Amino acid sequence: MSETQGQGSDRQEETVAVHRADSWAEAMVIRGLLESAGIASPPLTRTDPYPFSNPPADFPGAEILVRESQVEEARRIIADYLSSPPPEPPENDEDKEPEAGAPHKS
């Protein structure tokens, strides 16, 4: 699937769907990663009839679009993200058990 996207000049470049996110959150994270790498991704559009700012529970997914000239780099970034393990939650020092021989806090 592709669309034509203007770049503010007479030149237009096709946009290409590089990924279909399963959730709204995944789509937003991936778009953020792409944008931080300098890859523009048009905003997610909603074609469903729901007038809410958040997608419904049965959200069908969202296509991530990028310019045709940035497809390879975008797919590499997305593949790296999807293959990386999820981040560990930060440890709270108060919840940790004291190590053997470590003094207790009072």
PDB file of N, CA and C in Angstrom:
ATOM      1  N   MET A   1       0.846  -1.173   0.000  1.00  0.00           N
ATOM      2  CA  MET A   1       0.000   0.000   0.000  1.00  0.00           C
ATOM      3  C   MET A   1       0.886   1.229   0.000  1.00  0.00           C
ATOM      4  N   SER A   2       0.581   2.176  -0.852  1.00  0.00           N
ATOM      5  CA  SER A   2       1.369   3.394  -0.880  1.00  0.00           C
ATOM      6  C   SER A   2       0.458   4.572  -1.161  1.00  0.00           C
ATOM      7  N   GLU A   3       0.925   5.733  -0.744  1.00  0.00           N
ATOM      8  CA  GLU A   3       0.212   6.977  -0.952  1.00  0.00           C
ATOM      9  C   GLU A   3       1.216   7.994  -1.446  1.00  0.00           C
ATOM     10  N   THR A   4       0.733   9.071  -2.012  1.00  0.00           N
ATOM     11  CA  THR A   4       1.625  10.138  -2.420  1.00  0.00           C
ATOM     12  C   THR A   4       1.650  11.172  -1.322  1.00  0.00           C
ATOM     13  N   GLN A   5       2.828  11.591  -0.942  1.00  0.00           N
ATOM     14  CA  GLN A   5       3.022  12.538   0.166  1.00  0.00           C
ATOM     15  C   GLN A   5       3.815  13.716  -0.360  1.00  0.00           C
ATOM     16  N   GLY A   6       3.300  14.932  -0.198  1.00  0.00           N
ATOM     17  CA  GLY A   6       4.023  16.124  -0.615  1.00  0.00           C
ATOM     18  C   GLY A   6       5.130  16.434   0.375  1.00  0.00           C
ATOM     19  N   GLN A   7       6.209  17.049  -0.108  1.00  0.00           N
ATOM     20  CA  GLN A   7       7.322  17.405   0.755  1.00  0.00           C
ATOM     21  C   GLN A   7       7.535  18.907   0.801  1.00  0.00           C
ATOM     22  N   GLY A   8       6.498  19.682   0.488  1.00  0.00           N
ATOM     23  CA  GLY A   8       6.666  21.118   0.524  1.00  0.00           C
ATOM     24  C   GLY A   8       7.305  21.670  -0.739  1.00  0.00           C
ATOM     25  N   SER A   9       7.521  20.865  -1.747  1.00  0.00           N
ATOM     26  CA  SER A   9       8.072  21.308  -3.021  1.00  0.00           C
ATOM     27  C   SER A   9       7.288  20.639  -4.131  1.00  0.00           C
ATOM     28  N   ASP A  10       7.734  20.853  -5.375  1.00  0.00           N
ATOM     29  CA  ASP A  10       7.044  20.221  -6.495  1.00  0.00           C
ATOM     30  C   ASP A  10       7.283  18.719  -6.527  1.00  0.00           C
ATOM     31  N   ARG A  11       8.340  18.278  -5.893  1.00  0.00           N
ATOM     32  CA  ARG A  11       8.700  16.855  -5.897  1.00  0.00           C
ATOM     33  C   ARG A  11       7.838  16.105  -4.892  1.00  0.00           C
ATOM     34  N   GLN A  12       7.275  14.990  -5.313  1.00  0.00           N
ATOM     35  CA  GLN A  12       6.494  14.158  -4.419  1.00  0.00           C
ATOM     36  C   GLN A  12       7.111  12.775  -4.372  1.00  0.00           C
ATOM     37  N   GLU A  13       7.047  12.185  -3.195  1.00  0.00           N
ATOM     38  CA  GLU A  13       7.625  10.862  -3.027  1.00  0.00           C
ATOM     39  C   GLU A  13       6.559   9.937  -2.456  1.00  0.00           C
ATOM     40  N   GLU A  14       6.513   8.737  -2.956  1.00  0.00           N
ATOM     41  CA  GLU A  14       5.560   7.750  -2.474  1.00  0.00           C
ATOM     42  C   GLU A  14       5.850   7.401  -1.017  1.00  0.00           C
ATOM     43  N   THR A  15       4.801   7.090  -0.261  1.00  0.00           N
ATOM     44  CA  THR A  15       4.986   6.535   1.069  1.00  0.00           C
ATOM     45  C   THR A  15       4.644   5.057   0.987  1.00  0.00           C
ATOM     46  N   VAL A  16       5.359   4.283   1.795  1.00  0.00           N
ATOM     47  CA  VAL A  16       5.230   2.827   1.775  1.00  0.00           C
ATOM     48  C   VAL A  16       4.949   2.340   3.184  1.00  0.00           C
ATOM     49  N   ALA A  17       4.036   1.387   3.312  1.00  0.00           N
ATOM     50  CA  ALA A  17       3.769   0.778   4.611  1.00  0.00           C
ATOM     51  C   ALA A  17       4.905  -0.188   4.918  1.00  0.00           C
ATOM     52  N   VAL A  18       5.636   0.077   6.026  1.00  0.00           N
ATOM     53  CA  VAL A  18       6.771  -0.762   6.382  1.00  0.00           C
ATOM     54  C   VAL A  18       6.458  -1.705   7.542  1.00  0.00           C
ATOM     55  N   HIS A  19       5.336  -1.476   8.229  1.00  0.00           N
ATOM     56  CA  HIS A  19       4.992  -2.328   9.373  1.00  0.00           C
ATOM     57  C   HIS A  19       3.531  -2.129   9.718  1.00  0.00           C
ATOM     58  N   ARG A  20       2.896  -3.183  10.222  1.00  0.00           N
ATOM     59  CA  ARG A  20       1.536  -3.080  10.746  1.00  0.00           C
ATOM     60  C   ARG A  20       1.613  -3.361  12.234  1.00  0.00           C
ATOM     61  N   ALA A  21       1.391  -2.321  13.018  1.00  0.00           N
ATOM     62  CA  ALA A  21       1.447  -2.441  14.480  1.00  0.00           C
ATOM     63  C   ALA A  21       0.163  -3.091  14.983  1.00  0.00           C
ATOM     64  N   ASP A  22       0.321  -3.962  15.987  1.00  0.00           N
ATOM     65  CA  ASP A  22      -0.825  -4.658  16.562  1.00  0.00           C
ATOM     66  C   ASP A  22      -1.589  -3.808  17.570  1.00  0.00           C
ATOM     67  N   SER A  23      -0.948  -2.776  18.072  1.00  0.00           N
ATOM     68  CA  SER A  23      -1.610  -1.923  19.063  1.00  0.00           C
ATOM     69  C   SER A  23      -1.260  -0.468  18.790  1.00  0.00           C
ATOM     70  N   TRP A  24      -2.079   0.413  19.328  1.00  0.00           N
ATOM     71  CA  TRP A  24      -1.835   1.844  19.189  1.00  0.00           C
ATOM     72  C   TRP A  24      -0.506   2.207  19.850  1.00  0.00           C
ATOM     73  N   ALA A  25      -0.244   1.619  21.020  1.00  0.00           N
ATOM     74  CA  ALA A  25       1.002   1.907  21.741  1.00  0.00           C
ATOM     75  C   ALA A  25       2.215   1.483  20.916  1.00  0.00           C
ATOM     76  N   GLU A  26       2.167   0.292  20.321  1.00  0.00           N
ATOM     77  CA  GLU A  26       3.284  -0.168  19.493  1.00  0.00           C
ATOM     78  C   GLU A  26       3.502   0.782  18.319  1.00  0.00           C
ATOM     79  N   ALA A  27       2.432   1.221  17.696  1.00  0.00           N
ATOM     80  CA  ALA A  27       2.544   2.142  16.571  1.00  0.00           C
ATOM     81  C   ALA A  27       3.206   3.445  16.996  1.00  0.00           C
ATOM     82  N   MET A  28       2.823   3.967  18.152  1.00  0.00           N
ATOM     83  CA  MET A  28       3.396   5.221  18.629  1.00  0.00           C
ATOM     84  C   MET A  28       4.886   5.062  18.971  1.00  0.00           C
ATOM     85  N   VAL A  29       5.253   3.935  19.584  1.00  0.00           N
ATOM     86  CA  VAL A  29       6.664   3.690  19.917  1.00  0.00           C
ATOM     87  C   VAL A  29       7.495   3.596  18.642  1.00  0.00           C
ATOM     88  N   ILE A  30       7.025   2.841  17.678  1.00  0.00           N
ATOM     89  CA  ILE A  30       7.780   2.669  16.436  1.00  0.00           C
ATOM     90  C   ILE A  30       7.895   3.992  15.690  1.00  0.00           C
ATOM     91  N   ARG A  31       6.822   4.753  15.623  1.00  0.00           N
ATOM     92  CA  ARG A  31       6.901   6.070  14.965  1.00  0.00           C
ATOM     93  C   ARG A  31       7.908   6.961  15.679  1.00  0.00           C
ATOM     94  N   GLY A  32       7.936   6.907  17.013  1.00  0.00           N
ATOM     95  CA  GLY A  32       8.898   7.699  17.773  1.00  0.00           C
ATOM     96  C   GLY A  32      10.331   7.287  17.469  1.00  0.00           C
ATOM     97  N   LEU A  33      10.572   5.981  17.382  1.00  0.00           N
ATOM     98  CA  LEU A  33      11.918   5.500  17.043  1.00  0.00           C
ATOM     99  C   LEU A  33      12.342   5.982  15.654  1.00  0.00           C
ATOM    100  N   LEU A  34      11.413   5.893  14.707  1.00  0.00           N
ATOM    101  CA  LEU A  34      11.731   6.326  13.349  1.00  0.00           C
ATOM    102  C   LEU A  34      12.011   7.824  13.318  1.00  0.00           C
ATOM    103  N   GLU A  35      11.171   8.584  13.978  1.00  0.00           N
ATOM    104  CA  GLU A  35      11.361  10.035  13.973  1.00  0.00           C
ATOM    105  C   GLU A  35      12.658  10.435  14.656  1.00  0.00           C
ATOM    106  N   SER A  36      13.048   9.712  15.719  1.00  0.00           N
ATOM    107  CA  SER A  36      14.316  10.040  16.389  1.00  0.00           C
ATOM    108  C   SER A  36      15.517   9.714  15.503  1.00  0.00           C
ATOM    109  N   ALA A  37      15.316   8.837  14.511  1.00  0.00           N
ATOM    110  CA  ALA A  37      16.379   8.504  13.558  1.00  0.00           C
ATOM    111  C   ALA A  37      16.300   9.396  12.316  1.00  0.00           C
ATOM    112  N   GLY A  38      15.409  10.390  12.346  1.00  0.00           N
ATOM    113  CA  GLY A  38      15.296  11.298  11.216  1.00  0.00           C
ATOM    114  C   GLY A  38      14.427  10.793  10.080  1.00  0.00           C
ATOM    115  N   ILE A  39      13.607   9.787  10.360  1.00  0.00           N
ATOM    116  CA  ILE A  39      12.726   9.228   9.335  1.00  0.00           C
ATOM    117  C   ILE A  39      11.310   9.713   9.616  1.00  0.00           C
ATOM    118  N   ALA A  40      10.788  10.516   8.702  1.00  0.00           N
ATOM    119  CA  ALA A  40       9.441  11.044   8.869  1.00  0.00           C
ATOM    120  C   ALA A  40       8.416   9.945   8.635  1.00  0.00           C
ATOM    121  N   SER A  41       7.404   9.930   9.492  1.00  0.00           N
ATOM    122  CA  SER A  41       6.308   8.986   9.344  1.00  0.00           C
ATOM    123  C   SER A  41       5.017   9.776   9.520  1.00  0.00           C
ATOM    124  N   PRO A  42       4.170   9.797   8.491  1.00  0.00           N
ATOM    125  CA  PRO A  42       2.928  10.559   8.620  1.00  0.00           C
ATOM    126  C   PRO A  42       2.143  10.110   9.852  1.00  0.00           C
ATOM    127  N   PRO A  43       1.381  11.028  10.443  1.00  0.00           N
ATOM    128  CA  PRO A  43       0.590  10.661  11.625  1.00  0.00           C
ATOM    129  C   PRO A  43      -0.343   9.507  11.332  1.00  0.00           C
ATOM    130  N   LEU A  44      -0.626   8.748  12.363  1.00  0.00           N
ATOM    131  CA  LEU A  44      -1.574   7.651  12.223  1.00  0.00           C
ATOM    132  C   LEU A  44      -2.940   8.235  11.916  1.00  0.00           C
ATOM    133  N   THR A  45      -3.584   7.667  10.930  1.00  0.00           N
ATOM    134  CA  THR A  45      -4.927   8.128  10.601  1.00  0.00           C
ATOM    135  C   THR A  45      -5.926   7.102  11.079  1.00  0.00           C
ATOM    136  N   ARG A  46      -7.054   7.588  11.425  1.00  0.00           N
ATOM    137  CA  ARG A  46      -8.104   6.696  11.900  1.00  0.00           C
ATOM    138  C   ARG A  46      -9.229   6.721  10.887  1.00  0.00           C
ATOM    139  N   THR A  47      -9.561   5.580  10.366  1.00  0.00           N
ATOM    140  CA  THR A  47     -10.652   5.497   9.410  1.00  0.00           C
ATOM    141  C   THR A  47     -11.868   4.823  10.013  1.00  0.00           C
ATOM    142  N   ASP A  48     -11.800   4.476  11.279  1.00  0.00           N
ATOM    143  CA  ASP A  48     -12.945   3.833  11.902  1.00  0.00           C
ATOM    144  C   ASP A  48     -13.971   4.888  12.337  1.00  0.00           C
ATOM    145  N   PRO A  49     -15.185   4.472  12.638  1.00  0.00           N
ATOM    146  CA  PRO A  49     -16.230   5.448  12.952  1.00  0.00           C
ATOM    147  C   PRO A  49     -16.232   5.930  14.401  1.00  0.00           C
ATOM    148  N   TYR A  50     -15.270   5.537  15.193  1.00  0.00           N
ATOM    149  CA  TYR A  50     -15.270   5.895  16.607  1.00  0.00           C
ATOM    150  C   TYR A  50     -14.790   7.328  16.796  1.00  0.00           C
ATOM    151  N   PRO A  51     -15.541   8.156  17.516  1.00  0.00           N
ATOM    152  CA  PRO A  51     -15.146   9.555  17.703  1.00  0.00           C
ATOM    153  C   PRO A  51     -14.255   9.789  18.917  1.00  0.00           C
ATOM    154  N   PHE A  52     -13.593   8.775  19.399  1.00  0.00           N
ATOM    155  CA  PHE A  52     -12.791   8.893  20.612  1.00  0.00           C
ATOM    156  C   PHE A  52     -11.325   9.116  20.266  1.00  0.00           C
ATOM    157  N   SER A  53     -10.573   9.731  21.207  1.00  0.00           N
ATOM    158  CA  SER A  53      -9.157   9.966  20.950  1.00  0.00           C
ATOM    159  C   SER A  53      -8.334   8.697  21.111  1.00  0.00           C
ATOM    160  N   ASN A  54      -8.823   7.726  21.861  1.00  0.00           N
ATOM    161  CA  ASN A  54      -8.127   6.450  22.029  1.00  0.00           C
ATOM    162  C   ASN A  54      -8.816   5.393  21.185  1.00  0.00           C
ATOM    163  N   PRO A  55      -8.060   4.476  20.619  1.00  0.00           N
ATOM    164  CA  PRO A  55      -8.673   3.453  19.780  1.00  0.00           C
ATOM    165  C   PRO A  55      -9.506   2.483  20.628  1.00  0.00           C
ATOM    166  N   PRO A  56     -10.468   1.837  20.007  1.00  0.00           N
ATOM    167  CA  PRO A  56     -11.290   0.876  20.733  1.00  0.00           C
ATOM    168  C   PRO A  56     -10.495  -0.372  21.091  1.00  0.00           C
ATOM    169  N   ALA A  57     -11.051  -1.195  21.981  1.00  0.00           N
ATOM    170  CA  ALA A  57     -10.367  -2.410  22.430  1.00  0.00           C
ATOM    171  C   ALA A  57     -10.081  -3.358  21.264  1.00  0.00           C
ATOM    172  N   ASP A  58     -10.934  -3.373  20.261  1.00  0.00           N
ATOM    173  CA  ASP A  58     -10.725  -4.262  19.114  1.00  0.00           C
ATOM    174  C   ASP A  58      -9.968  -3.545  17.984  1.00  0.00           C
ATOM    175  N   PHE A  59      -9.027  -2.684  18.347  1.00  0.00           N
ATOM    176  CA  PHE A  59      -8.210  -1.919  17.399  1.00  0.00           C
ATOM    177  C   PHE A  59      -7.622  -2.853  16.348  1.00  0.00           C
ATOM    178  N   PRO A  60      -7.850  -2.584  15.069  1.00  0.00           N
ATOM    179  CA  PRO A  60      -7.409  -3.512  14.025  1.00  0.00           C
ATOM    180  C   PRO A  60      -5.943  -3.402  13.654  1.00  0.00           C
ATOM    181  N   GLY A  61      -5.216  -2.489  14.231  1.00  0.00           N
ATOM    182  CA  GLY A  61      -3.807  -2.301  13.882  1.00  0.00           C
ATOM    183  C   GLY A  61      -3.631  -1.019  13.102  1.00  0.00           C
ATOM    184  N   ALA A  62      -2.393  -0.619  12.944  1.00  0.00           N
ATOM    185  CA  ALA A  62      -2.094   0.618  12.225  1.00  0.00           C
ATOM    186  C   ALA A  62      -0.878   0.414  11.352  1.00  0.00           C
ATOM    187  N   GLU A  63      -0.956   0.908  10.140  1.00  0.00           N
ATOM    188  CA  GLU A  63       0.186   0.822   9.240  1.00  0.00           C
ATOM    189  C   GLU A  63       1.136   1.987   9.508  1.00  0.00           C
ATOM    190  N   ILE A  64       2.413   1.660   9.587  1.00  0.00           N
ATOM    191  CA  ILE A  64       3.452   2.668   9.734  1.00  0.00           C
ATOM    192  C   ILE A  64       3.951   2.984   8.329  1.00  0.00           C
ATOM    193  N   LEU A  65       3.835   4.247   7.935  1.00  0.00           N
ATOM    194  CA  LEU A  65       4.227   4.676   6.600  1.00  0.00           C
ATOM    195  C   LEU A  65       5.505   5.500   6.659  1.00  0.00           C
ATOM    196  N   VAL A  66       6.367   5.314   5.668  1.00  0.00           N
ATOM    197  CA  VAL A  66       7.574   6.136   5.523  1.00  0.00           C
ATOM    198  C   VAL A  66       7.769   6.445   4.043  1.00  0.00           C
ATOM    199  N   ARG A  67       8.615   7.430   3.768  1.00  0.00           N
ATOM    200  CA  ARG A  67       8.944   7.742   2.383  1.00  0.00           C
ATOM    201  C   ARG A  67       9.675   6.565   1.747  1.00  0.00           C
ATOM    202  N   GLU A  68       9.443   6.392   0.476  1.00  0.00           N
ATOM    203  CA  GLU A  68      10.040   5.275  -0.268  1.00  0.00           C
ATOM    204  C   GLU A  68      11.560   5.249  -0.144  1.00  0.00           C
ATOM    205  N   SER A  69      12.188   6.409  -0.110  1.00  0.00           N
ATOM    206  CA  SER A  69      13.650   6.471  -0.031  1.00  0.00           C
ATOM    207  C   SER A  69      14.177   6.054   1.346  1.00  0.00           C
ATOM    208  N   GLN A  70      13.298   5.929   2.346  1.00  0.00           N
ATOM    209  CA  GLN A  70      13.724   5.590   3.706  1.00  0.00           C
ATOM    210  C   GLN A  70      13.242   4.206   4.157  1.00  0.00           C
ATOM    211  N   VAL A  71      12.710   3.431   3.232  1.00  0.00           N
ATOM    212  CA  VAL A  71      12.133   2.127   3.571  1.00  0.00           C
ATOM    213  C   VAL A  71      13.161   1.185   4.193  1.00  0.00           C
ATOM    214  N   GLU A  72      14.317   1.023   3.586  1.00  0.00           N
ATOM    215  CA  GLU A  72      15.307   0.060   4.100  1.00  0.00           C
ATOM    216  C   GLU A  72      15.742   0.400   5.518  1.00  0.00           C
ATOM    217  N   GLU A  73      16.065   1.654   5.763  1.00  0.00           N
ATOM    218  CA  GLU A  73      16.504   2.071   7.099  1.00  0.00           C
ATOM    219  C   GLU A  73      15.372   1.907   8.110  1.00  0.00           C
ATOM    220  N   ALA A  74      14.160   2.255   7.722  1.00  0.00           N
ATOM    221  CA  ALA A  74      13.012   2.112   8.626  1.00  0.00           C
ATOM    222  C   ALA A  74      12.784   0.647   8.982  1.00  0.00           C
ATOM    223  N   ARG A  75      12.851  -0.226   8.006  1.00  0.00           N
ATOM    224  CA  ARG A  75      12.643  -1.660   8.277  1.00  0.00           C
ATOM    225  C   ARG A  75      13.745  -2.209   9.180  1.00  0.00           C
ATOM    226  N   ARG A  76      14.981  -1.721   9.023  1.00  0.00           N
ATOM    227  CA  ARG A  76      16.069  -2.164   9.892  1.00  0.00           C
ATOM    228  C   ARG A  76      15.812  -1.714  11.325  1.00  0.00           C
ATOM    229  N   ILE A  77      15.405  -0.475  11.513  1.00  0.00           N
ATOM    230  CA  ILE A  77      15.128   0.040  12.854  1.00  0.00           C
ATOM    231  C   ILE A  77      13.983  -0.739  13.499  1.00  0.00           C
ATOM    232  N   ILE A  78      12.944  -1.003  12.731  1.00  0.00           N
ATOM    233  CA  ILE A  78      11.793  -1.742  13.263  1.00  0.00           C
ATOM    234  C   ILE A  78      12.196  -3.170  13.615  1.00  0.00           C
ATOM    235  N   ALA A  79      12.971  -3.821  12.755  1.00  0.00           N
ATOM    236  CA  ALA A  79      13.418  -5.187  13.034  1.00  0.00           C
ATOM    237  C   ALA A  79      14.273  -5.237  14.291  1.00  0.00           C
ATOM    238  N   ASP A  80      15.171  -4.266  14.464  1.00  0.00           N
ATOM    239  CA  ASP A  80      15.998  -4.201  15.675  1.00  0.00           C
ATOM    240  C   ASP A  80      15.125  -4.054  16.911  1.00  0.00           C
ATOM    241  N   TYR A  81      14.130  -3.182  16.827  1.00  0.00           N
ATOM    242  CA  TYR A  81      13.226  -2.962  17.963  1.00  0.00           C
ATOM    243  C   TYR A  81      12.443  -4.227  18.296  1.00  0.00           C
ATOM    244  N   LEU A  82      11.885  -4.873  17.279  1.00  0.00           N
ATOM    245  CA  LEU A  82      11.059  -6.061  17.513  1.00  0.00           C
ATOM    246  C   LEU A  82      11.865  -7.262  17.997  1.00  0.00           C
ATOM    247  N   SER A  83      13.157  -7.311  17.666  1.00  0.00           N
ATOM    248  CA  SER A  83      13.973  -8.455  18.088  1.00  0.00           C
ATOM    249  C   SER A  83      14.654  -8.231  19.433  1.00  0.00           C
ATOM    250  N   SER A  84      14.586  -7.009  19.952  1.00  0.00           N
ATOM    251  CA  SER A  84      15.233  -6.738  21.238  1.00  0.00           C
ATOM    252  C   SER A  84      14.327  -7.176  22.385  1.00  0.00           C
ATOM    253  N   PRO A  85      14.923  -7.654  23.482  1.00  0.00           N
ATOM    254  CA  PRO A  85      14.105  -8.059  24.627  1.00  0.00           C
ATOM    255  C   PRO A  85      13.441  -6.839  25.258  1.00  0.00           C
ATOM    256  N   PRO A  86      12.286  -7.030  25.884  1.00  0.00           N
ATOM    257  CA  PRO A  86      11.640  -5.890  26.535  1.00  0.00           C
ATOM    258  C   PRO A  86      12.512  -5.355  27.661  1.00  0.00           C
ATOM    259  N   PRO A  87      12.444  -4.059  27.923  1.00  0.00           N
ATOM    260  CA  PRO A  87      13.278  -3.487  28.977  1.00  0.00           C
ATOM    261  C   PRO A  87      12.867  -4.004  30.349  1.00  0.00           C
ATOM    262  N   GLU A  88      13.854  -4.158  31.205  1.00  0.00           N
ATOM    263  CA  GLU A  88      13.595  -4.576  32.582  1.00  0.00           C
ATOM    264  C   GLU A  88      13.007  -3.394  33.348  1.00  0.00           C
ATOM    265  N   PRO A  89      12.009  -3.642  34.191  1.00  0.00           N
ATOM    266  CA  PRO A  89      11.496  -2.536  34.997  1.00  0.00           C
ATOM    267  C   PRO A  89      12.567  -2.092  35.995  1.00  0.00           C
ATOM    268  N   PRO A  90      12.601  -0.805  36.312  1.00  0.00           N
ATOM    269  CA  PRO A  90      13.614  -0.328  37.266  1.00  0.00           C
ATOM    270  C   PRO A  90      13.367  -0.933  38.644  1.00  0.00           C
ATOM    271  N   GLU A  91      14.474  -1.219  39.330  1.00  0.00           N
ATOM    272  CA  GLU A  91      14.362  -1.783  40.681  1.00  0.00           C
ATOM    273  C   GLU A  91      14.163  -0.658  41.674  1.00  0.00           C
ATOM    274  N   ASN A  92      13.337  -0.925  42.644  1.00  0.00           N
ATOM    275  CA  ASN A  92      13.103   0.023  43.719  1.00  0.00           C
ATOM    276  C   ASN A  92      13.953  -0.433  44.892  1.00  0.00           C
ATOM    277  N   ASP A  93      14.899   0.400  45.335  1.00  0.00           N
ATOM    278  CA  ASP A  93      15.814   0.010  46.415  1.00  0.00           C
ATOM    279  C   ASP A  93      15.073  -0.383  47.688  1.00  0.00           C
ATOM    280  N   GLU A  94      13.918   0.200  47.930  1.00  0.00           N
ATOM    281  CA  GLU A  94      13.181  -0.122  49.149  1.00  0.00           C
ATOM    282  C   GLU A  94      12.598  -1.527  49.112  1.00  0.00           C
ATOM    283  N   ASP A  95      12.320  -2.046  47.910  1.00  0.00           N
ATOM    284  CA  ASP A  95      11.734  -3.372  47.782  1.00  0.00           C
ATOM    285  C   ASP A  95      12.781  -4.482  47.761  1.00  0.00           C
ATOM    286  N   LYS A  96      14.056  -4.118  47.570  1.00  0.00           N
ATOM    287  CA  LYS A  96      15.110  -5.117  47.482  1.00  0.00           C
ATOM    288  C   LYS A  96      15.422  -5.697  48.854  1.00  0.00           C
ATOM    289  N   GLU A  97      15.710  -6.972  48.856  1.00  0.00           N
ATOM    290  CA  GLU A  97      16.179  -7.616  50.073  1.00  0.00           C
ATOM    291  C   GLU A  97      17.612  -7.185  50.320  1.00  0.00           C
ATOM    292  N   PRO A  98      18.013  -6.922  51.582  1.00  0.00           N
ATOM    293  CA  PRO A  98      19.396  -6.539  51.819  1.00  0.00           C
ATOM    294  C   PRO A  98      20.333  -7.710  51.502  1.00  0.00           C
ATOM    295  N   GLU A  99      21.491  -7.362  50.947  1.00  0.00           N
ATOM    296  CA  GLU A  99      22.469  -8.399  50.642  1.00  0.00           C
ATOM    297  C   GLU A  99      23.100  -8.869  51.933  1.00  0.00           C
ATOM    298  N   ALA A 100      23.601 -10.106  51.912  1.00  0.00           N
ATOM    299  CA  ALA A 100      24.246 -10.656  53.112  1.00  0.00           C
ATOM    300  C   ALA A 100      25.408  -9.775  53.519  1.00  0.00           C
ATOM    301  N   GLY A 101      25.448  -9.405  54.784  1.00  0.00           N
ATOM    302  CA  GLY A 101      26.533  -8.588  55.304  1.00  0.00           C
ATOM    303  C   GLY A 101      26.310  -7.106  55.102  1.00  0.00           C
ATOM    304  N   ALA A 102      25.258  -6.708  54.395  1.00  0.00           N
ATOM    305  CA  ALA A 102      24.985  -5.286  54.181  1.00  0.00           C
ATOM    306  C   ALA A 102      24.193  -4.756  55.370  1.00  0.00           C
ATOM    307  N   PRO A 103      24.513  -3.564  55.832  1.00  0.00           N
ATOM    308  CA  PRO A 103      23.772  -3.009  56.973  1.00  0.00           C
ATOM    309  C   PRO A 103      22.333  -2.669  56.576  1.00  0.00           C
ATOM    310  N   HIS A 104      21.412  -2.835  57.541  1.00  0.00           N
ATOM    311  CA  HIS A 104      20.015  -2.479  57.317  1.00  0.00           C
ATOM    312  C   HIS A 104      19.853  -0.979  57.445  1.00  0.00           C
ATOM    313  N   LYS A 105      18.966  -0.413  56.639  1.00  0.00           N
ATOM    314  CA  LYS A 105      18.644   1.008  56.767  1.00  0.00           C
ATOM    315  C   LYS A 105      17.631   1.167  57.889  1.00  0.00           C
ATOM    316  N   SER A 106      17.756   2.215  58.670  1.00  0.00           N
ATOM    317  CA  SER A 106      16.799   2.442  59.731  1.00  0.00           C
ATOM    318  C   SER A 106      16.070   3.734  59.538  1.00  0.00           C
TER     319      SER A 106
END
